[in-house]
Protein backbone atom coordinates (compact mmCIF):
# COMPACT_ATOMS: atom_id res chain seq x y z
CA MET A 1 86.65 108.16 83.50
CA THR A 2 82.92 107.82 84.11
CA SER A 3 81.46 109.29 87.24
CA PHE A 4 78.21 108.02 88.78
CA VAL A 5 75.91 110.10 90.91
CA ASP A 6 74.09 108.39 93.76
CA PRO A 7 70.28 108.60 93.47
CA PRO A 8 68.48 110.56 96.17
CA SER A 9 67.94 108.47 99.29
CA ASN A 10 64.12 108.56 98.94
CA LEU A 11 64.20 106.92 95.48
CA SER A 12 64.92 103.30 94.81
CA SER A 13 66.68 102.59 91.55
CA ASN A 14 64.74 99.31 91.21
CA ARG A 15 61.24 100.79 91.46
CA LEU A 16 59.17 102.37 88.75
CA PRO A 17 55.86 104.10 89.34
CA PRO A 18 52.86 101.94 88.40
CA PRO A 19 51.43 102.63 84.95
CA THR A 20 48.29 104.70 84.63
CA VAL A 21 45.66 102.87 82.63
CA TYR A 22 42.58 104.78 81.53
CA VAL A 23 39.46 102.69 80.99
CA GLU A 24 36.61 104.27 79.05
CA PRO A 25 33.37 103.95 81.09
CA THR A 26 30.43 101.95 79.81
CA TRP A 27 27.10 103.73 80.28
CA GLU A 28 23.59 102.46 80.88
CA TYR A 29 20.55 104.62 80.23
CA LYS A 30 17.04 105.07 81.59
CA HIS A 31 14.10 106.77 79.85
CA LEU A 32 11.26 108.05 82.05
CA VAL A 33 8.00 109.47 80.72
CA ARG A 34 5.66 111.53 82.88
CA ALA A 35 2.19 112.80 81.91
CA LEU A 36 2.41 116.40 83.10
CA LYS A 37 -1.36 116.87 83.61
CA THR A 38 -1.84 113.82 85.80
CA GLU A 39 1.60 113.04 87.28
CA GLY A 40 3.46 116.32 87.17
CA PRO A 41 7.26 116.59 87.17
CA LEU A 42 9.50 114.43 89.33
CA GLU A 43 9.46 115.33 93.02
CA GLU A 44 12.60 116.10 94.98
CA GLY A 45 12.49 112.73 96.78
CA GLU A 46 12.28 110.85 93.48
CA LEU A 47 15.24 112.80 92.12
CA ASN A 48 17.26 112.12 95.29
CA THR A 49 16.52 108.39 95.02
CA LEU A 50 17.65 108.32 91.39
CA GLY A 51 20.79 110.29 92.27
CA ALA A 52 21.60 107.93 95.15
CA ASP A 53 21.39 105.05 92.66
CA GLY A 54 24.01 106.77 90.49
CA TRP A 55 21.70 108.23 87.81
CA GLU A 56 22.39 111.68 86.40
CA LEU A 57 20.31 113.75 84.02
CA ALA A 58 21.44 113.44 80.40
CA GLY A 59 18.53 115.27 78.75
CA ALA A 60 14.85 116.19 78.98
CA PHE A 61 12.12 117.53 76.72
CA VAL A 62 8.33 117.96 76.64
CA GLU A 63 6.23 116.55 73.80
CA ARG A 64 2.43 116.54 73.67
CA GLY A 65 2.04 117.03 77.40
CA GLN A 66 4.56 114.35 78.32
CA LEU A 67 7.89 114.99 80.00
CA HIS A 68 10.64 112.71 78.66
CA ILE A 69 13.64 112.36 80.97
CA TYR A 70 16.86 110.62 79.93
CA LEU A 71 19.25 109.50 82.65
CA LYS A 72 22.65 107.79 82.50
CA ARG A 73 25.05 106.11 84.91
CA VAL A 74 28.20 104.04 84.73
CA ALA A 75 27.16 100.43 84.04
CA ARG A 76 27.31 98.19 87.06
């Protein structure tokens, strides 16, 4: 004889949890160049504006007196 156990009252036997689907983000990039002698580095306000637009620093380096800044954000 087979015996059946009732499911807990908070679970419905007809419902499954929704599947989790992971979607790989698509990135867009921005390259800024600043002449350090005449322009200097980015100011705090400029950085805050870029951050508010979703940009984050991906890399930076100095070459021949120029600051190269690479930013990325999830494509819109």
